[in-house]
Amino acid sequence: MFGKLITVVVVVMLIIAGFGCKKKSVPPAESNQPTAPKTEVKTQAEYNEMARKQITKDNMQAELDKVEKEVQQEMLR
């Protein structure tokens, strides 16, 4: 009887140890490749220059109306 108990305990411990010792394979990270694509960030001066080129005295009211419409649509969401 005592021999069966020891055998069962040893078998259970071996099973637990067998499942607990498995290492999950993790692919190595490559250091020479970026993890996320780089995005170009514009400066305030670049935005100002872009606005000067796009907005003129002739289309100023149309551009203002366009921006106001976009703002109103965002407010309704």
PDB file of N, CA and C in Angstrom:
ATOM      1  N   MET A   1       0.833  -1.188   0.000  1.00  0.00           N
ATOM      2  CA  MET A   1       0.000   0.000   0.000  1.00  0.00           C
ATOM      3  C   MET A   1       0.878   1.253   0.000  1.00  0.00           C
ATOM      4  N   PHE A   2       1.885   1.293   0.854  1.00  0.00           N
ATOM      5  CA  PHE A   2       2.773   2.438   0.936  1.00  0.00           C
ATOM      6  C   PHE A   2       3.574   2.593  -0.358  1.00  0.00           C
ATOM      7  N   GLY A   3       3.888   1.499  -1.006  1.00  0.00           N
ATOM      8  CA  GLY A   3       4.625   1.513  -2.264  1.00  0.00           C
ATOM      9  C   GLY A   3       3.797   2.115  -3.391  1.00  0.00           C
ATOM     10  N   LYS A   4       2.473   1.789  -3.417  1.00  0.00           N
ATOM     11  CA  LYS A   4       1.581   2.360  -4.443  1.00  0.00           C
ATOM     12  C   LYS A   4       1.465   3.869  -4.267  1.00  0.00           C
ATOM     13  N   LEU A   5       1.365   4.308  -3.031  1.00  0.00           N
ATOM     14  CA  LEU A   5       1.234   5.745  -2.747  1.00  0.00           C
ATOM     15  C   LEU A   5       2.475   6.492  -3.213  1.00  0.00           C
ATOM     16  N   ILE A   6       3.626   5.968  -2.926  1.00  0.00           N
ATOM     17  CA  ILE A   6       4.869   6.602  -3.358  1.00  0.00           C
ATOM     18  C   ILE A   6       4.955   6.614  -4.879  1.00  0.00           C
ATOM     19  N   THR A   7       4.552   5.543  -5.525  1.00  0.00           N
ATOM     20  CA  THR A   7       4.575   5.460  -6.981  1.00  0.00           C
ATOM     21  C   THR A   7       3.640   6.504  -7.592  1.00  0.00           C
ATOM     22  N   VAL A   8       2.443   6.640  -7.053  1.00  0.00           N
ATOM     23  CA  VAL A   8       1.472   7.614  -7.559  1.00  0.00           C
ATOM     24  C   VAL A   8       2.011   9.033  -7.369  1.00  0.00           C
ATOM     25  N   VAL A   9       2.581   9.313  -6.215  1.00  0.00           N
ATOM     26  CA  VAL A   9       3.117  10.644  -5.944  1.00  0.00           C
ATOM     27  C   VAL A   9       4.271  10.960  -6.896  1.00  0.00           C
ATOM     28  N   VAL A  10       5.149  10.004  -7.112  1.00  0.00           N
ATOM     29  CA  VAL A  10       6.274  10.219  -8.013  1.00  0.00           C
ATOM     30  C   VAL A  10       5.790  10.441  -9.436  1.00  0.00           C
ATOM     31  N   VAL A  11       4.812   9.659  -9.897  1.00  0.00           N
ATOM     32  CA  VAL A  11       4.277   9.809 -11.250  1.00  0.00           C
ATOM     33  C   VAL A  11       3.617  11.175 -11.413  1.00  0.00           C
ATOM     34  N   VAL A  12       2.833  11.591 -10.429  1.00  0.00           N
ATOM     35  CA  VAL A  12       2.169  12.899 -10.491  1.00  0.00           C
ATOM     36  C   VAL A  12       3.214  14.012 -10.524  1.00  0.00           C
ATOM     37  N   MET A  13       4.254  13.908  -9.734  1.00  0.00           N
ATOM     38  CA  MET A  13       5.299  14.928  -9.717  1.00  0.00           C
ATOM     39  C   MET A  13       6.036  14.979 -11.056  1.00  0.00           C
ATOM     40  N   LEU A  14       6.281  13.823 -11.649  1.00  0.00           N
ATOM     41  CA  LEU A  14       6.940  13.792 -12.956  1.00  0.00           C
ATOM     42  C   LEU A  14       6.066  14.418 -14.039  1.00  0.00           C
ATOM     43  N   ILE A  15       4.790  14.158 -13.975  1.00  0.00           N
ATOM     44  CA  ILE A  15       3.864  14.748 -14.961  1.00  0.00           C
ATOM     45  C   ILE A  15       3.836  16.267 -14.808  1.00  0.00           C
ATOM     46  N   ILE A  16       3.731  16.734 -13.563  1.00  0.00           N
ATOM     47  CA  ILE A  16       3.713  18.186 -13.321  1.00  0.00           C
ATOM     48  C   ILE A  16       5.031  18.813 -13.772  1.00  0.00           C
ATOM     49  N   ALA A  17       6.131  18.173 -13.442  1.00  0.00           N
ATOM     50  CA  ALA A  17       7.438  18.699 -13.837  1.00  0.00           C
ATOM     51  C   ALA A  17       7.590  18.701 -15.356  1.00  0.00           C
ATOM     52  N   GLY A  18       7.053  17.687 -16.005  1.00  0.00           N
ATOM     53  CA  GLY A  18       7.138  17.614 -17.468  1.00  0.00           C
ATOM     54  C   GLY A  18       6.397  18.749 -18.149  1.00  0.00           C
ATOM     55  N   PHE A  19       5.230  19.093 -17.643  1.00  0.00           N
ATOM     56  CA  PHE A  19       4.473  20.195 -18.241  1.00  0.00           C
ATOM     57  C   PHE A  19       5.027  21.549 -17.829  1.00  0.00           C
ATOM     58  N   GLY A  20       5.575  21.641 -16.642  1.00  0.00           N
ATOM     59  CA  GLY A  20       6.067  22.913 -16.144  1.00  0.00           C
ATOM     60  C   GLY A  20       7.410  23.315 -16.715  1.00  0.00           C
ATOM     61  N   CYS A  21       8.166  22.396 -17.223  1.00  0.00           N
ATOM     62  CA  CYS A  21       9.514  22.703 -17.698  1.00  0.00           C
ATOM     63  C   CYS A  21       9.590  23.025 -19.180  1.00  0.00           C
ATOM     64  N   LYS A  22       8.498  22.929 -19.883  1.00  0.00           N
ATOM     65  CA  LYS A  22       8.541  23.227 -21.317  1.00  0.00           C
ATOM     66  C   LYS A  22       8.730  24.719 -21.522  1.00  0.00           C
ATOM     67  N   LYS A  23       9.695  25.044 -22.337  1.00  0.00           N
ATOM     68  CA  LYS A  23       9.943  26.441 -22.657  1.00  0.00           C
ATOM     69  C   LYS A  23       9.279  26.753 -23.983  1.00  0.00           C
ATOM     70  N   LYS A  24       8.593  27.861 -24.009  1.00  0.00           N
ATOM     71  CA  LYS A  24       7.979  28.299 -25.256  1.00  0.00           C
ATOM     72  C   LYS A  24       9.048  28.965 -26.101  1.00  0.00           C
ATOM     73  N   SER A  25       9.089  28.585 -27.344  1.00  0.00           N
ATOM     74  CA  SER A  25      10.097  29.178 -28.219  1.00  0.00           C
ATOM     75  C   SER A  25       9.645  30.561 -28.657  1.00  0.00           C
ATOM     76  N   VAL A  26      10.470  31.528 -28.375  1.00  0.00           N
ATOM     77  CA  VAL A  26      10.202  32.909 -28.750  1.00  0.00           C
ATOM     78  C   VAL A  26      11.207  33.278 -29.830  1.00  0.00           C
ATOM     79  N   PRO A  27      10.704  33.725 -30.980  1.00  0.00           N
ATOM     80  CA  PRO A  27      11.645  34.085 -32.036  1.00  0.00           C
ATOM     81  C   PRO A  27      12.513  35.261 -31.597  1.00  0.00           C
ATOM     82  N   PRO A  28      13.783  35.230 -31.902  1.00  0.00           N
ATOM     83  CA  PRO A  28      14.667  36.324 -31.484  1.00  0.00           C
ATOM     84  C   PRO A  28      14.319  37.613 -32.211  1.00  0.00           C
ATOM     85  N   ALA A  29      14.383  38.690 -31.478  1.00  0.00           N
ATOM     86  CA  ALA A  29      14.106  39.996 -32.071  1.00  0.00           C
ATOM     87  C   ALA A  29      15.313  40.446 -32.876  1.00  0.00           C
ATOM     88  N   GLU A  30      15.040  40.935 -34.050  1.00  0.00           N
ATOM     89  CA  GLU A  30      16.132  41.428 -34.888  1.00  0.00           C
ATOM     90  C   GLU A  30      16.374  42.891 -34.556  1.00  0.00           C
ATOM     91  N   SER A  31      17.570  43.200 -34.201  1.00  0.00           N
ATOM     92  CA  SER A  31      17.877  44.545 -33.727  1.00  0.00           C
ATOM     93  C   SER A  31      18.083  45.539 -34.855  1.00  0.00           C
ATOM     94  N   ASN A  32      18.339  45.059 -36.063  1.00  0.00           N
ATOM     95  CA  ASN A  32      18.630  45.996 -37.149  1.00  0.00           C
ATOM     96  C   ASN A  32      17.380  46.465 -37.885  1.00  0.00           C
ATOM     97  N   GLN A  33      16.214  45.948 -37.542  1.00  0.00           N
ATOM     98  CA  GLN A  33      14.992  46.383 -38.193  1.00  0.00           C
ATOM     99  C   GLN A  33      14.139  47.169 -37.208  1.00  0.00           C
ATOM    100  N   PRO A  34      13.551  48.275 -37.651  1.00  0.00           N
ATOM    101  CA  PRO A  34      12.702  49.054 -36.743  1.00  0.00           C
ATOM    102  C   PRO A  34      11.423  48.293 -36.430  1.00  0.00           C
ATOM    103  N   THR A  35      10.892  48.507 -35.248  1.00  0.00           N
ATOM    104  CA  THR A  35       9.673  47.813 -34.845  1.00  0.00           C
ATOM    105  C   THR A  35       8.428  48.485 -35.405  1.00  0.00           C
ATOM    106  N   ALA A  36       8.485  49.756 -35.653  1.00  0.00           N
ATOM    107  CA  ALA A  36       7.339  50.477 -36.206  1.00  0.00           C
ATOM    108  C   ALA A  36       7.824  51.372 -37.336  1.00  0.00           C
ATOM    109  N   PRO A  37       6.968  51.570 -38.326  1.00  0.00           N
ATOM    110  CA  PRO A  37       7.397  52.446 -39.414  1.00  0.00           C
ATOM    111  C   PRO A  37       7.555  53.879 -38.915  1.00  0.00           C
ATOM    112  N   LYS A  38       8.568  54.541 -39.408  1.00  0.00           N
ATOM    113  CA  LYS A  38       8.813  55.917 -38.991  1.00  0.00           C
ATOM    114  C   LYS A  38       7.869  56.845 -39.750  1.00  0.00           C
ATOM    115  N   THR A  39       7.299  57.790 -39.027  1.00  0.00           N
ATOM    116  CA  THR A  39       6.429  58.774 -39.639  1.00  0.00           C
ATOM    117  C   THR A  39       7.117  60.126 -39.582  1.00  0.00           C
ATOM    118  N   GLU A  40       6.913  60.891 -40.618  1.00  0.00           N
ATOM    119  CA  GLU A  40       7.536  62.203 -40.680  1.00  0.00           C
ATOM    120  C   GLU A  40       6.634  63.205 -39.980  1.00  0.00           C
ATOM    121  N   VAL A  41       7.196  63.959 -39.067  1.00  0.00           N
ATOM    122  CA  VAL A  41       6.452  64.953 -38.308  1.00  0.00           C
ATOM    123  C   VAL A  41       6.813  66.331 -38.848  1.00  0.00           C
ATOM    124  N   LYS A  42       5.768  67.089 -39.182  1.00  0.00           N
ATOM    125  CA  LYS A  42       5.992  68.431 -39.714  1.00  0.00           C
ATOM    126  C   LYS A  42       6.132  69.428 -38.572  1.00  0.00           C
ATOM    127  N   THR A  43       6.930  70.449 -38.819  1.00  0.00           N
ATOM    128  CA  THR A  43       7.097  71.504 -37.835  1.00  0.00           C
ATOM    129  C   THR A  43       6.044  72.578 -38.065  1.00  0.00           C
ATOM    130  N   GLN A  44       5.918  73.472 -37.113  1.00  0.00           N
ATOM    131  CA  GLN A  44       4.957  74.572 -37.246  1.00  0.00           C
ATOM    132  C   GLN A  44       5.297  75.433 -38.460  1.00  0.00           C
ATOM    133  N   ALA A  45       6.573  75.650 -38.713  1.00  0.00           N
ATOM    134  CA  ALA A  45       6.991  76.451 -39.866  1.00  0.00           C
ATOM    135  C   ALA A  45       6.568  75.782 -41.173  1.00  0.00           C
ATOM    136  N   GLU A  46       6.666  74.456 -41.218  1.00  0.00           N
ATOM    137  CA  GLU A  46       6.246  73.741 -42.434  1.00  0.00           C
ATOM    138  C   GLU A  46       4.741  73.855 -42.649  1.00  0.00           C
ATOM    139  N   TYR A  47       3.967  73.756 -41.556  1.00  0.00           N
ATOM    140  CA  TYR A  47       2.515  73.932 -41.678  1.00  0.00           C
ATOM    141  C   TYR A  47       2.164  75.355 -42.114  1.00  0.00           C
ATOM    142  N   ASN A  48       2.863  76.332 -41.568  1.00  0.00           N
ATOM    143  CA  ASN A  48       2.608  77.719 -41.952  1.00  0.00           C
ATOM    144  C   ASN A  48       2.910  77.943 -43.434  1.00  0.00           C
ATOM    145  N   GLU A  49       4.016  77.407 -43.910  1.00  0.00           N
ATOM    146  CA  GLU A  49       4.381  77.545 -45.328  1.00  0.00           C
ATOM    147  C   GLU A  49       3.356  76.870 -46.226  1.00  0.00           C
ATOM    148  N   MET A  50       2.905  75.694 -45.808  1.00  0.00           N
ATOM    149  CA  MET A  50       1.897  74.983 -46.586  1.00  0.00           C
ATOM    150  C   MET A  50       0.593  75.791 -46.645  1.00  0.00           C
ATOM    151  N   ALA A  51       0.213  76.403 -45.530  1.00  0.00           N
ATOM    152  CA  ALA A  51      -1.011  77.211 -45.492  1.00  0.00           C
ATOM    153  C   ALA A  51      -0.875  78.441 -46.378  1.00  0.00           C
ATOM    154  N   ARG A  52       0.291  79.067 -46.376  1.00  0.00           N
ATOM    155  CA  ARG A  52       0.506  80.250 -47.221  1.00  0.00           C
ATOM    156  C   ARG A  52       0.372  79.914 -48.706  1.00  0.00           C
ATOM    157  N   LYS A  53       0.809  78.707 -49.061  1.00  0.00           N
ATOM    158  CA  LYS A  53       0.703  78.297 -50.465  1.00  0.00           C
ATOM    159  C   LYS A  53      -0.731  77.928 -50.846  1.00  0.00           C
ATOM    160  N   GLN A  54      -1.466  77.321 -49.918  1.00  0.00           N
ATOM    161  CA  GLN A  54      -2.809  76.840 -50.227  1.00  0.00           C
ATOM    162  C   GLN A  54      -3.878  77.920 -50.103  1.00  0.00           C
ATOM    163  N   ILE A  55      -3.713  78.840 -49.167  1.00  0.00           N
ATOM    164  CA  ILE A  55      -4.750  79.840 -48.907  1.00  0.00           C
ATOM    165  C   ILE A  55      -4.286  81.188 -49.445  1.00  0.00           C
ATOM    166  N   THR A  56      -5.089  81.705 -50.379  1.00  0.00           N
ATOM    167  CA  THR A  56      -4.808  83.016 -50.960  1.00  0.00           C
ATOM    168  C   THR A  56      -5.975  83.948 -50.667  1.00  0.00           C
ATOM    169  N   LYS A  57      -5.835  85.220 -51.034  1.00  0.00           N
ATOM    170  CA  LYS A  57      -6.941  86.161 -50.839  1.00  0.00           C
ATOM    171  C   LYS A  57      -8.151  85.759 -51.658  1.00  0.00           C
ATOM    172  N   ASP A  58      -7.913  85.133 -52.815  1.00  0.00           N
ATOM    173  CA  ASP A  58      -9.018  84.745 -53.691  1.00  0.00           C
ATOM    174  C   ASP A  58      -9.833  83.577 -53.122  1.00  0.00           C
ATOM    175  N   ASN A  59      -9.183  82.595 -52.488  1.00  0.00           N
ATOM    176  CA  ASN A  59      -9.922  81.427 -52.003  1.00  0.00           C
ATOM    177  C   ASN A  59     -10.056  81.397 -50.470  1.00  0.00           C
ATOM    178  N   MET A  60      -9.780  82.523 -49.817  1.00  0.00           N
ATOM    179  CA  MET A  60      -9.799  82.589 -48.363  1.00  0.00           C
ATOM    180  C   MET A  60     -11.163  82.226 -47.783  1.00  0.00           C
ATOM    181  N   GLN A  61     -12.233  82.760 -48.316  1.00  0.00           N
ATOM    182  CA  GLN A  61     -13.574  82.490 -47.791  1.00  0.00           C
ATOM    183  C   GLN A  61     -13.970  81.035 -48.021  1.00  0.00           C
ATOM    184  N   ALA A  62     -13.621  80.491 -49.166  1.00  0.00           N
ATOM    185  CA  ALA A  62     -13.949  79.089 -49.451  1.00  0.00           C
ATOM    186  C   ALA A  62     -13.198  78.159 -48.494  1.00  0.00           C
ATOM    187  N   GLU A  63     -11.939  78.464 -48.215  1.00  0.00           N
ATOM    188  CA  GLU A  63     -11.161  77.640 -47.280  1.00  0.00           C
ATOM    189  C   GLU A  63     -11.722  77.747 -45.870  1.00  0.00           C
ATOM    190  N   LEU A  64     -12.146  78.952 -45.466  1.00  0.00           N
ATOM    191  CA  LEU A  64     -12.744  79.132 -44.147  1.00  0.00           C
ATOM    192  C   LEU A  64     -14.033  78.332 -44.033  1.00  0.00           C
ATOM    193  N   ASP A  65     -14.871  78.396 -45.059  1.00  0.00           N
ATOM    194  CA  ASP A  65     -16.117  77.626 -45.058  1.00  0.00           C
ATOM    195  C   ASP A  65     -15.844  76.127 -44.961  1.00  0.00           C
ATOM    196  N   LYS A  66     -14.814  75.688 -45.660  1.00  0.00           N
ATOM    197  CA  LYS A  66     -14.445  74.271 -45.649  1.00  0.00           C
ATOM    198  C   LYS A  66     -14.020  73.831 -44.243  1.00  0.00           C
ATOM    199  N   VAL A  67     -13.222  74.650 -43.581  1.00  0.00           N
ATOM    200  CA  VAL A  67     -12.767  74.321 -42.231  1.00  0.00           C
ATOM    201  C   VAL A  67     -13.930  74.337 -41.252  1.00  0.00           C
ATOM    202  N   GLU A  68     -14.805  75.320 -41.369  1.00  0.00           N
ATOM    203  CA  GLU A  68     -15.964  75.398 -40.480  1.00  0.00           C
ATOM    204  C   GLU A  68     -16.863  74.184 -40.649  1.00  0.00           C
ATOM    205  N   LYS A  69     -17.030  73.736 -41.876  1.00  0.00           N
ATOM    206  CA  LYS A  69     -17.854  72.557 -42.142  1.00  0.00           C
ATOM    207  C   LYS A  69     -17.230  71.312 -41.513  1.00  0.00           C
ATOM    208  N   GLU A  70     -15.915  71.164 -41.608  1.00  0.00           N
ATOM    209  CA  GLU A  70     -15.225  70.028 -40.999  1.00  0.00           C
ATOM    210  C   GLU A  70     -15.379  70.045 -39.477  1.00  0.00           C
ATOM    211  N   VAL A  71     -15.283  71.236 -38.886  1.00  0.00           N
ATOM    212  CA  VAL A  71     -15.416  71.356 -37.438  1.00  0.00           C
ATOM    213  C   VAL A  71     -16.832  70.989 -37.006  1.00  0.00           C
ATOM    214  N   GLN A  72     -17.835  71.439 -37.738  1.00  0.00           N
ATOM    215  CA  GLN A  72     -19.216  71.114 -37.411  1.00  0.00           C
ATOM    216  C   GLN A  72     -19.469  69.618 -37.509  1.00  0.00           C
ATOM    217  N   GLN A  73     -18.906  68.955 -38.519  1.00  0.00           N
ATOM    218  CA  GLN A  73     -19.072  67.515 -38.657  1.00  0.00           C
ATOM    219  C   GLN A  73     -18.421  66.775 -37.501  1.00  0.00           C
ATOM    220  N   GLU A  74     -17.261  67.254 -37.050  1.00  0.00           N
ATOM    221  CA  GLU A  74     -16.583  66.617 -35.919  1.00  0.00           C
ATOM    222  C   GLU A  74     -17.394  66.798 -34.637  1.00  0.00           C
ATOM    223  N   MET A  75     -18.030  67.948 -34.481  1.00  0.00           N
ATOM    224  CA  MET A  75     -18.821  68.204 -33.285  1.00  0.00           C
ATOM    225  C   MET A  75     -20.063  67.320 -33.235  1.00  0.00           C
ATOM    226  N   LEU A  76     -20.594  66.925 -34.383  1.00  0.00           N
ATOM    227  CA  LEU A  76     -21.791  66.096 -34.424  1.00  0.00           C
ATOM    228  C   LEU A  76     -21.495  64.630 -34.124  1.00  0.00           C
ATOM    229  N   ARG A  77     -20.261  64.231 -34.192  1.00  0.00           N
ATOM    230  CA  ARG A  77     -19.922  62.822 -33.934  1.00  0.00           C
ATOM    231  C   ARG A  77     -19.967  62.496 -32.493  1.00  0.00           C
TER     232      ARG A  77
END
